[in-house]
Amino acid sequence: MPKRRTRLRIATWNINSVRLRLARLGDLVAALEPDVLCLQETKTPDELFPREEIAGFGFRHMLVRGMKGYNGVAILSRLPLAPVDELPDWCGRDDCRHIAADLDLPGGPLRIHNFYVPAGGDIPDPEANPKFRHKLDFVSEATLWFAAGAADRGRTVLAGDLNIAPLPEDVWSHRQLLDVVSHTPVETEGLLRWQATAGGWVDAVREIVPVPQKLFTWWSYRNRDWRRSDRGRRLDHVWLTPDLRGALKGAMVLKDARDWPQASDHVPVLAELVV
């Protein structure tokens, strides 16, 4: 008998404070109807995470890893989650940038990693800017971890705010942003090395919206008329192990979320799989 398959909608969003934007979470659920939602920058210690309100949106299963005021990641799900233990302490900081869970699906188990990569500050020099050094070290450690077999089990999704726009078509101006943090060559090359691990991660959104089409998930708060200027970057990603390429049925960026009241500067990204 062939295995029964499940349609699964996985979204990722840097919410930029889950308590401040709880109503926007409801807007996301209405717009995308995700089964699993990976959040970054929840900015909330675990004991203050709004579990009751989020359960009201249909996510009765939650894994959270947060701290007061900044960082923080969470996986929300309509389906039962099993936490993945023994994850690395990236850069020895214990700063709540990674969480992972397993889903037990009819078609077989599926693992989900949720990452929030350091932004890196404003100066693209690891000697002058410790935040940039931290970012490069984080990406390097993650690359080595996956290269050593962290996704060899297969059927794995990696989602999150990776804070790097890797392709020229992922930024509004490749030439003007080559020396701007998030698109410098040392960052983009590092992210592409990470993407080459695990047999070569599949960039879910770019499978559906291929280059040369421009595609962004972040627009600065500094630009009031963000839609008109459209000076964006694609910092938020969903990757799949190669064995899930055939399971991918659709992917999208919810650009209109940037116009929501009290919007995050990031917008949600969705991938739809049949697994």
C-alpha atoms as a PDB file:
ATOM      1  CA  MET A   1       0.000   0.000   0.000  1.00  0.00           C
ATOM      2  CA  PRO A   2       1.370   3.449  -0.919  1.00  0.00           C
ATOM      3  CA  LYS A   3       1.883   5.843   1.952  1.00  0.00           C
ATOM      4  CA  ARG A   4      -0.850   8.393   2.501  1.00  0.00           C
ATOM      5  CA  ARG A   5       0.366  11.958   1.945  1.00  0.00           C
ATOM      6  CA  THR A   6      -0.434  15.164   3.809  1.00  0.00           C
ATOM      7  CA  ARG A   7      -0.707  18.670   2.395  1.00  0.00           C
ATOM      8  CA  LEU A   8       1.455  20.857   4.629  1.00  0.00           C
ATOM      9  CA  ARG A   9       1.748  24.644   4.541  1.00  0.00           C
ATOM     10  CA  ILE A  10       4.903  25.910   6.271  1.00  0.00           C
ATOM     11  CA  ALA A  11       5.435  29.640   6.800  1.00  0.00           C
ATOM     12  CA  THR A  12       8.275  31.659   8.270  1.00  0.00           C
ATOM     13  CA  TRP A  13       8.112  35.209   9.582  1.00  0.00           C
ATOM     14  CA  ASN A  14      10.351  37.561  11.509  1.00  0.00           C
ATOM     15  CA  ILE A  15       7.557  39.013  13.615  1.00  0.00           C
ATOM     16  CA  ASN A  16       9.710  41.591  15.428  1.00  0.00           C
ATOM     17  CA  SER A  17       8.002  41.024  18.828  1.00  0.00           C
ATOM     18  CA  VAL A  18       5.276  38.424  19.145  1.00  0.00           C
ATOM     19  CA  ARG A  19       3.431  40.268  21.914  1.00  0.00           C
ATOM     20  CA  LEU A  20       3.476  43.602  20.096  1.00  0.00           C
ATOM     21  CA  ARG A  21       2.216  42.046  16.844  1.00  0.00           C
ATOM     22  CA  LEU A  22      -0.128  39.386  18.143  1.00  0.00           C
ATOM     23  CA  ALA A  23      -3.008  40.802  16.065  1.00  0.00           C
ATOM     24  CA  ARG A  24      -0.802  40.653  12.970  1.00  0.00           C
ATOM     25  CA  LEU A  25      -0.309  36.975  13.660  1.00  0.00           C
ATOM     26  CA  GLY A  26      -4.066  36.623  13.270  1.00  0.00           C
ATOM     27  CA  ASP A  27      -3.822  38.444   9.927  1.00  0.00           C
ATOM     28  CA  LEU A  28      -1.153  36.007   8.784  1.00  0.00           C
ATOM     29  CA  VAL A  29      -3.269  33.002   9.717  1.00  0.00           C
ATOM     30  CA  ALA A  30      -6.225  34.433   7.794  1.00  0.00           C
ATOM     31  CA  ALA A  31      -4.100  35.160   4.726  1.00  0.00           C
ATOM     32  CA  LEU A  32      -1.973  32.012   4.500  1.00  0.00           C
ATOM     33  CA  GLU A  33      -3.649  29.332   6.664  1.00  0.00           C
ATOM     34  CA  PRO A  34      -0.310  27.747   7.620  1.00  0.00           C
ATOM     35  CA  ASP A  35      -0.124  24.401   9.349  1.00  0.00           C
ATOM     36  CA  VAL A  36       3.308  25.230  10.766  1.00  0.00           C
ATOM     37  CA  LEU A  37       4.680  28.692  11.435  1.00  0.00           C
ATOM     38  CA  CYS A  38       8.295  29.490  12.267  1.00  0.00           C
ATOM     39  CA  LEU A  39       8.745  32.836  14.035  1.00  0.00           C
ATOM     40  CA  GLN A  40      11.923  34.811  14.618  1.00  0.00           C
ATOM     41  CA  GLU A  41      12.638  37.798  16.851  1.00  0.00           C
ATOM     42  CA  THR A  42       9.855  36.890  19.244  1.00  0.00           C
ATOM     43  CA  LYS A  43      11.647  39.065  21.859  1.00  0.00           C
ATOM     44  CA  THR A  44       9.866  37.316  24.724  1.00  0.00           C
ATOM     45  CA  PRO A  45      11.080  35.050  27.523  1.00  0.00           C
ATOM     46  CA  ASP A  46       9.396  31.648  27.492  1.00  0.00           C
ATOM     47  CA  GLU A  47       7.270  32.307  30.567  1.00  0.00           C
ATOM     48  CA  LEU A  48       5.670  35.361  28.904  1.00  0.00           C
ATOM     49  CA  PHE A  49       5.053  33.781  25.507  1.00  0.00           C
ATOM     50  CA  PRO A  50       1.327  34.322  24.668  1.00  0.00           C
ATOM     51  CA  ARG A  51       0.428  30.648  24.453  1.00  0.00           C
ATOM     52  CA  GLU A  52      -3.294  30.979  25.155  1.00  0.00           C
ATOM     53  CA  GLU A  53      -3.835  33.630  22.490  1.00  0.00           C
ATOM     54  CA  ILE A  54      -1.803  31.702  19.928  1.00  0.00           C
ATOM     55  CA  ALA A  55      -3.715  28.510  20.665  1.00  0.00           C
ATOM     56  CA  GLY A  56      -6.809  30.536  19.754  1.00  0.00           C
ATOM     57  CA  PHE A  57      -5.379  30.882  16.233  1.00  0.00           C
ATOM     58  CA  GLY A  58      -5.348  27.090  15.940  1.00  0.00           C
ATOM     59  CA  PHE A  59      -1.732  26.448  16.921  1.00  0.00           C
ATOM     60  CA  ARG A  60      -2.127  24.134  19.898  1.00  0.00           C
ATOM     61  CA  HIS A  61       1.410  22.806  19.648  1.00  0.00           C
ATOM     62  CA  MET A  62       4.288  25.196  20.329  1.00  0.00           C
ATOM     63  CA  LEU A  63       8.017  25.048  20.853  1.00  0.00           C
ATOM     64  CA  VAL A  64       9.544  28.290  22.044  1.00  0.00           C
ATOM     65  CA  ARG A  65      13.025  29.470  22.892  1.00  0.00           C
ATOM     66  CA  GLY A  66      13.135  33.101  23.869  1.00  0.00           C
ATOM     67  CA  MET A  67      14.761  35.791  25.929  1.00  0.00           C
ATOM     68  CA  LYS A  68      13.828  39.251  27.113  1.00  0.00           C
ATOM     69  CA  GLY A  69      13.962  42.069  24.595  1.00  0.00           C
ATOM     70  CA  TYR A  70      15.622  40.536  21.567  1.00  0.00           C
ATOM     71  CA  ASN A  71      16.182  37.393  19.462  1.00  0.00           C
ATOM     72  CA  GLY A  72      13.918  34.418  20.176  1.00  0.00           C
ATOM     73  CA  VAL A  73      12.490  31.692  17.929  1.00  0.00           C
ATOM     74  CA  ALA A  74       9.319  29.611  17.994  1.00  0.00           C
ATOM     75  CA  ILE A  75       7.650  26.849  16.008  1.00  0.00           C
ATOM     76  CA  LEU A  76       3.841  26.904  16.093  1.00  0.00           C
ATOM     77  CA  SER A  77       1.884  23.988  14.677  1.00  0.00           C
ATOM     78  CA  ARG A  78      -1.576  22.572  14.209  1.00  0.00           C
ATOM     79  CA  LEU A  79       0.043  19.134  14.323  1.00  0.00           C
ATOM     80  CA  PRO A  80       1.928  17.570  17.251  1.00  0.00           C
ATOM     81  CA  LEU A  81       5.589  18.548  17.545  1.00  0.00           C
ATOM     82  CA  ALA A  82       8.468  16.639  19.105  1.00  0.00           C
ATOM     83  CA  PRO A  83      11.410  18.815  20.134  1.00  0.00           C
ATOM     84  CA  VAL A  84      14.841  18.074  18.700  1.00  0.00           C
ATOM     85  CA  ASP A  85      17.332  18.078  21.544  1.00  0.00           C
ATOM     86  CA  GLU A  86      21.108  18.441  21.574  1.00  0.00           C
ATOM     87  CA  LEU A  87      21.256  21.346  19.139  1.00  0.00           C
ATOM     88  CA  PRO A  88      24.520  23.301  19.004  1.00  0.00           C
ATOM     89  CA  ASP A  89      25.115  26.342  21.163  1.00  0.00           C
ATOM     90  CA  TRP A  90      26.021  28.531  18.218  1.00  0.00           C
ATOM     91  CA  CYS A  91      29.152  30.630  18.837  1.00  0.00           C
ATOM     92  CA  GLY A  92      28.875  29.694  22.516  1.00  0.00           C
ATOM     93  CA  ARG A  93      26.303  32.419  23.162  1.00  0.00           C
ATOM     94  CA  ASP A  94      23.067  30.591  24.020  1.00  0.00           C
ATOM     95  CA  ASP A  95      21.180  33.496  22.438  1.00  0.00           C
ATOM     96  CA  CYS A  96      18.004  31.785  21.200  1.00  0.00           C
ATOM     97  CA  ARG A  97      18.623  31.727  17.462  1.00  0.00           C
ATOM     98  CA  HIS A  98      17.725  28.136  16.576  1.00  0.00           C
ATOM     99  CA  ILE A  99      15.020  25.646  17.405  1.00  0.00           C
ATOM    100  CA  ALA A 100      14.000  22.388  15.717  1.00  0.00           C
ATOM    101  CA  ALA A 101      11.115  19.930  15.825  1.00  0.00           C
ATOM    102  CA  ASP A 102       9.937  16.689  14.279  1.00  0.00           C
ATOM    103  CA  LEU A 103       6.507  16.091  12.776  1.00  0.00           C
ATOM    104  CA  ASP A 104       5.211  12.534  12.584  1.00  0.00           C
ATOM    105  CA  LEU A 105       3.329  12.482   9.276  1.00  0.00           C
ATOM    106  CA  PRO A 106       1.613   9.629   7.422  1.00  0.00           C
ATOM    107  CA  GLY A 107       4.195   9.869   4.646  1.00  0.00           C
ATOM    108  CA  GLY A 108       7.058   9.658   7.143  1.00  0.00           C
ATOM    109  CA  PRO A 109       8.756  11.923   9.689  1.00  0.00           C
ATOM    110  CA  LEU A 110       9.673  15.485   8.781  1.00  0.00           C
ATOM    111  CA  ARG A 111      12.165  17.679  10.622  1.00  0.00           C
ATOM    112  CA  ILE A 112      11.891  21.472  10.736  1.00  0.00           C
ATOM    113  CA  HIS A 113      14.751  23.807  11.645  1.00  0.00           C
ATOM    114  CA  ASN A 114      13.968  27.440  12.443  1.00  0.00           C
ATOM    115  CA  PHE A 115      16.951  29.840  12.330  1.00  0.00           C
ATOM    116  CA  TYR A 116      17.498  33.492  13.124  1.00  0.00           C
ATOM    117  CA  VAL A 117      20.956  34.395  11.812  1.00  0.00           C
ATOM    118  CA  PRO A 118      22.610  37.497  13.339  1.00  0.00           C
ATOM    119  CA  ALA A 119      21.973  40.678  11.361  1.00  0.00           C
ATOM    120  CA  GLY A 120      25.622  41.712  11.523  1.00  0.00           C
ATOM    121  CA  GLY A 121      25.473  45.433  12.284  1.00  0.00           C
ATOM    122  CA  ASP A 122      26.295  48.139   9.757  1.00  0.00           C
ATOM    123  CA  ILE A 123      30.029  47.804   9.062  1.00  0.00           C
ATOM    124  CA  PRO A 124      31.011  44.863   6.814  1.00  0.00           C
ATOM    125  CA  ASP A 125      34.396  44.391   8.475  1.00  0.00           C
ATOM    126  CA  PRO A 126      34.822  41.514  10.962  1.00  0.00           C
ATOM    127  CA  GLU A 127      37.834  43.191  12.555  1.00  0.00           C
ATOM    128  CA  ALA A 128      36.110  46.538  13.150  1.00  0.00           C
ATOM    129  CA  ASN A 129      32.626  45.132  13.841  1.00  0.00           C
ATOM    130  CA  PRO A 130      32.166  42.244  16.311  1.00  0.00           C
ATOM    131  CA  LYS A 131      28.538  41.851  15.196  1.00  0.00           C
ATOM    132  CA  PHE A 132      29.678  41.122  11.653  1.00  0.00           C
ATOM    133  CA  ARG A 133      32.263  38.643  12.904  1.00  0.00           C
ATOM    134  CA  HIS A 134      29.521  36.924  14.930  1.00  0.00           C
ATOM    135  CA  LYS A 135      27.372  36.633  11.797  1.00  0.00           C
ATOM    136  CA  LEU A 136      30.163  35.125   9.717  1.00  0.00           C
ATOM    137  CA  ASP A 137      31.080  32.707  12.498  1.00  0.00           C
ATOM    138  CA  PHE A 138      27.442  31.643  12.928  1.00  0.00           C
ATOM    139  CA  VAL A 139      27.025  30.872   9.218  1.00  0.00           C
ATOM    140  CA  SER A 140      30.335  29.018   9.169  1.00  0.00           C
ATOM    141  CA  GLU A 141      29.391  26.890  12.197  1.00  0.00           C
ATOM    142  CA  ALA A 142      25.983  26.065  10.725  1.00  0.00           C
ATOM    143  CA  THR A 143      27.610  25.099   7.440  1.00  0.00           C
ATOM    144  CA  LEU A 144      30.053  22.753   9.154  1.00  0.00           C
ATOM    145  CA  TRP A 145      27.292  21.202  11.266  1.00  0.00           C
ATOM    146  CA  PHE A 146      25.108  20.369   8.280  1.00  0.00           C
ATOM    147  CA  ALA A 147      28.116  19.295   6.213  1.00  0.00           C
ATOM    148  CA  ALA A 148      28.902  16.813   8.984  1.00  0.00           C
ATOM    149  CA  GLY A 149      25.521  15.135   8.514  1.00  0.00           C
ATOM    150  CA  ALA A 150      22.933  17.056  10.527  1.00  0.00           C
ATOM    151  CA  ALA A 151      20.369  16.578   7.741  1.00  0.00           C
ATOM    152  CA  ASP A 152      21.425  13.143   6.512  1.00  0.00           C
ATOM    153  CA  ARG A 153      18.127  11.724   7.796  1.00  0.00           C
ATOM    154  CA  GLY A 154      16.410  13.456   4.852  1.00  0.00           C
ATOM    155  CA  ARG A 155      12.932  15.044   4.722  1.00  0.00           C
ATOM    156  CA  THR A 156      14.088  18.234   6.386  1.00  0.00           C
ATOM    157  CA  VAL A 157      12.909  21.838   6.081  1.00  0.00           C
ATOM    158  CA  LEU A 158      15.131  24.739   7.086  1.00  0.00           C
ATOM    159  CA  ALA A 159      13.300  28.040   7.456  1.00  0.00           C
ATOM    160  CA  GLY A 160      13.910  31.427   8.959  1.00  0.00           C
ATOM    161  CA  ASP A 161      15.411  34.865   8.786  1.00  0.00           C
ATOM    162  CA  LEU A 162      18.894  34.098   7.480  1.00  0.00           C
ATOM    163  CA  ASN A 163      19.658  37.816   7.126  1.00  0.00           C
ATOM    164  CA  ILE A 164      21.459  37.350   3.811  1.00  0.00           C
ATOM    165  CA  ALA A 165      20.157  38.026   0.309  1.00  0.00           C
ATOM    166  CA  PRO A 166      22.292  35.569  -1.679  1.00  0.00           C
ATOM    167  CA  LEU A 167      21.482  36.316  -5.323  1.00  0.00           C
ATOM    168  CA  PRO A 168      21.784  39.543  -7.362  1.00  0.00           C
ATOM    169  CA  GLU A 169      18.032  39.297  -7.991  1.00  0.00           C
ATOM    170  CA  ASP A 170      17.401  39.160  -4.219  1.00  0.00           C
ATOM    171  CA  VAL A 171      18.219  42.861  -3.761  1.00  0.00           C
ATOM    172  CA  TRP A 172      17.001  46.042  -5.361  1.00  0.00           C
ATOM    173  CA  SER A 173      20.509  46.899  -6.636  1.00  0.00           C
ATOM    174  CA  HIS A 174      23.268  44.308  -6.674  1.00  0.00           C
ATOM    175  CA  ARG A 175      25.918  46.899  -7.552  1.00  0.00           C
ATOM    176  CA  GLN A 176      24.940  49.413  -4.867  1.00  0.00           C
ATOM    177  CA  LEU A 177      24.619  46.808  -2.106  1.00  0.00           C
ATOM    178  CA  LEU A 178      27.861  44.899  -2.606  1.00  0.00           C
ATOM    179  CA  ASP A 179      29.381  46.689   0.377  1.00  0.00           C
ATOM    180  CA  VAL A 180      26.190  46.703   2.487  1.00  0.00           C
ATOM    181  CA  VAL A 181      25.728  44.100   5.216  1.00  0.00           C
ATOM    182  CA  SER A 182      23.375  41.299   4.066  1.00  0.00           C
ATOM    183  CA  HIS A 183      24.674  41.264   0.471  1.00  0.00           C
ATOM    184  CA  THR A 184      28.454  41.464   0.706  1.00  0.00           C
ATOM    185  CA  PRO A 185      30.357  38.761  -1.177  1.00  0.00           C
ATOM    186  CA  VAL A 186      31.689  37.160   2.017  1.00  0.00           C
ATOM    187  CA  GLU A 187      28.103  36.744   3.269  1.00  0.00           C
ATOM    188  CA  THR A 188      26.519  35.559   0.037  1.00  0.00           C
ATOM    189  CA  GLU A 189      29.333  33.099  -0.617  1.00  0.00           C
ATOM    190  CA  GLY A 190      29.011  31.828   2.947  1.00  0.00           C
ATOM    191  CA  LEU A 191      25.271  31.308   2.663  1.00  0.00           C
ATOM    192  CA  LEU A 192      25.639  29.510  -0.663  1.00  0.00           C
ATOM    193  CA  ARG A 193      28.198  27.175   0.940  1.00  0.00           C
ATOM    194  CA  TRP A 194      25.656  26.429   3.653  1.00  0.00           C
ATOM    195  CA  GLN A 195      23.008  25.840   0.997  1.00  0.00           C
ATOM    196  CA  ALA A 196      25.320  23.358  -0.733  1.00  0.00           C
ATOM    197  CA  THR A 197      25.338  21.061   2.334  1.00  0.00           C
ATOM    198  CA  ALA A 198      22.860  18.208   2.872  1.00  0.00           C
ATOM    199  CA  GLY A 199      23.175  17.231  -0.776  1.00  0.00           C
ATOM    200  CA  GLY A 200      22.234  20.734  -1.882  1.00  0.00           C
ATOM    201  CA  TRP A 201      19.267  22.415  -0.205  1.00  0.00           C
ATOM    202  CA  VAL A 202      16.380  23.346  -2.510  1.00  0.00           C
ATOM    203  CA  ASP A 203      15.516  27.059  -2.295  1.00  0.00           C
ATOM    204  CA  ALA A 204      11.738  26.590  -2.208  1.00  0.00           C
ATOM    205  CA  VAL A 205      10.677  30.086  -3.235  1.00  0.00           C
ATOM    206  CA  ARG A 206      13.183  30.281  -6.079  1.00  0.00           C
ATOM    207  CA  GLU A 207      11.912  26.940  -7.374  1.00  0.00           C
ATOM    208  CA  ILE A 208       8.534  28.612  -7.888  1.00  0.00           C
ATOM    209  CA  VAL A 209       9.681  32.185  -8.635  1.00  0.00           C
ATOM    210  CA  PRO A 210      12.979  31.672 -10.465  1.00  0.00           C
ATOM    211  CA  VAL A 211      15.541  34.292 -11.388  1.00  0.00           C
ATOM    212  CA  PRO A 212      15.703  36.750 -13.111  1.00  0.00           C
ATOM    213  CA  GLN A 213      12.531  37.859 -11.298  1.00  0.00           C
ATOM    214  CA  LYS A 214      13.293  40.174  -8.385  1.00  0.00           C
ATOM    215  CA  LEU A 215      11.946  38.987  -5.052  1.00  0.00           C
ATOM    216  CA  PHE A 216      12.191  40.623  -1.617  1.00  0.00           C
ATOM    217  CA  THR A 217      10.995  39.850   1.922  1.00  0.00           C
ATOM    218  CA  TRP A 218      12.317  42.893   3.814  1.00  0.00           C
ATOM    219  CA  TRP A 219      11.953  46.642   3.406  1.00  0.00           C
ATOM    220  CA  SER A 220      13.568  49.118   5.797  1.00  0.00           C
ATOM    221  CA  TYR A 221      11.472  51.125   8.250  1.00  0.00           C
ATOM    222  CA  ARG A 222      13.535  54.131   7.149  1.00  0.00           C
ATOM    223  CA  ASN A 223      11.769  54.216   3.798  1.00  0.00           C
ATOM    224  CA  ARG A 224       8.270  55.538   4.388  1.00  0.00           C
ATOM    225  CA  ASP A 225       7.076  54.964   0.811  1.00  0.00           C
ATOM    226  CA  TRP A 226       8.526  51.482   0.713  1.00  0.00           C
ATOM    227  CA  ARG A 227       6.234  50.168  -2.032  1.00  0.00           C
ATOM    228  CA  ARG A 228       6.984  52.953  -4.472  1.00  0.00           C
ATOM    229  CA  SER A 229      10.770  52.764  -4.090  1.00  0.00           C
ATOM    230  CA  ASP A 230      10.736  48.970  -3.603  1.00  0.00           C
ATOM    231  CA  ARG A 231      14.280  48.923  -2.201  1.00  0.00           C
ATOM    232  CA  GLY A 232      13.973  45.491  -0.697  1.00  0.00           C
ATOM    233  CA  ARG A 233      16.088  42.441   0.047  1.00  0.00           C
ATOM    234  CA  ARG A 234      15.230  38.719   0.266  1.00  0.00           C
ATOM    235  CA  LEU A 235      16.435  37.818   3.752  1.00  0.00           C
ATOM    236  CA  ASP A 236      13.839  35.169   4.705  1.00  0.00           C
ATOM    237  CA  HIS A 237      14.105  31.680   3.284  1.00  0.00           C
ATOM    238  CA  VAL A 238      12.638  28.176   3.180  1.00  0.00           C
ATOM    239  CA  TRP A 239      15.001  25.402   2.136  1.00  0.00           C
ATOM    240  CA  LEU A 240      14.220  21.719   1.548  1.00  0.00           C
ATOM    241  CA  THR A 241      16.424  18.658   1.424  1.00  0.00           C
ATOM    242  CA  PRO A 242      16.551  17.286  -2.146  1.00  0.00           C
ATOM    243  CA  ASP A 243      14.209  14.394  -1.326  1.00  0.00           C
ATOM    244  CA  LEU A 244      11.436  16.984  -0.823  1.00  0.00           C
ATOM    245  CA  ARG A 245      11.859  18.702  -4.191  1.00  0.00           C
ATOM    246  CA  GLY A 246       9.032  16.687  -5.716  1.00  0.00           C
ATOM    247  CA  ALA A 247       6.830  17.410  -2.703  1.00  0.00           C
ATOM    248  CA  LEU A 248       6.956  21.161  -3.276  1.00  0.00           C
ATOM    249  CA  LYS A 249       3.649  22.346  -4.752  1.00  0.00           C
ATOM    250  CA  GLY A 250       3.866  26.097  -4.275  1.00  0.00           C
ATOM    251  CA  ALA A 251       5.627  28.975  -2.523  1.00  0.00           C
ATOM    252  CA  MET A 252       4.995  32.675  -2.100  1.00  0.00           C
ATOM    253  CA  VAL A 253       6.002  35.885  -0.354  1.00  0.00           C
ATOM    254  CA  LEU A 254       3.135  37.772   1.339  1.00  0.00           C
ATOM    255  CA  LYS A 255       4.310  41.227   0.253  1.00  0.00           C
ATOM    256  CA  ASP A 256       1.075  42.961   1.306  1.00  0.00           C
ATOM    257  CA  ALA A 257       1.905  42.208   4.953  1.00  0.00           C
ATOM    258  CA  ARG A 258       4.385  45.087   4.852  1.00  0.00           C
ATOM    259  CA  ASP A 259       1.343  47.425   4.730  1.00  0.00           C
ATOM    260  CA  TRP A 260      -0.343  45.963   7.805  1.00  0.00           C
ATOM    261  CA  PRO A 261      -0.787  48.284  10.822  1.00  0.00           C
ATOM    262  CA  GLN A 262       2.302  48.093  13.041  1.00  0.00           C
ATOM    263  CA  ALA A 263       3.926  45.972  10.360  1.00  0.00           C
ATOM    264  CA  SER A 264       7.168  44.103  10.807  1.00  0.00           C
ATOM    265  CA  ASP A 265       9.883  45.144   8.385  1.00  0.00           C
ATOM    266  CA  HIS A 266       9.898  41.497   7.228  1.00  0.00           C
ATOM    267  CA  VAL A 267       6.972  39.760   5.499  1.00  0.00           C
ATOM    268  CA  PRO A 268       5.937  36.088   5.723  1.00  0.00           C
ATOM    269  CA  VAL A 269       7.169  33.446   3.320  1.00  0.00           C
ATOM    270  CA  LEU A 270       5.160  30.269   2.643  1.00  0.00           C
ATOM    271  CA  ALA A 271       5.994  26.896   1.114  1.00  0.00           C
ATOM    272  CA  GLU A 272       3.343  24.268   0.407  1.00  0.00           C
ATOM    273  CA  LEU A 273       4.311  20.610   0.349  1.00  0.00           C
ATOM    274  CA  VAL A 274       2.563  17.291  -0.101  1.00  0.00           C
ATOM    275  CA  VAL A 275       4.431  14.986   2.264  1.00  0.00           C
END
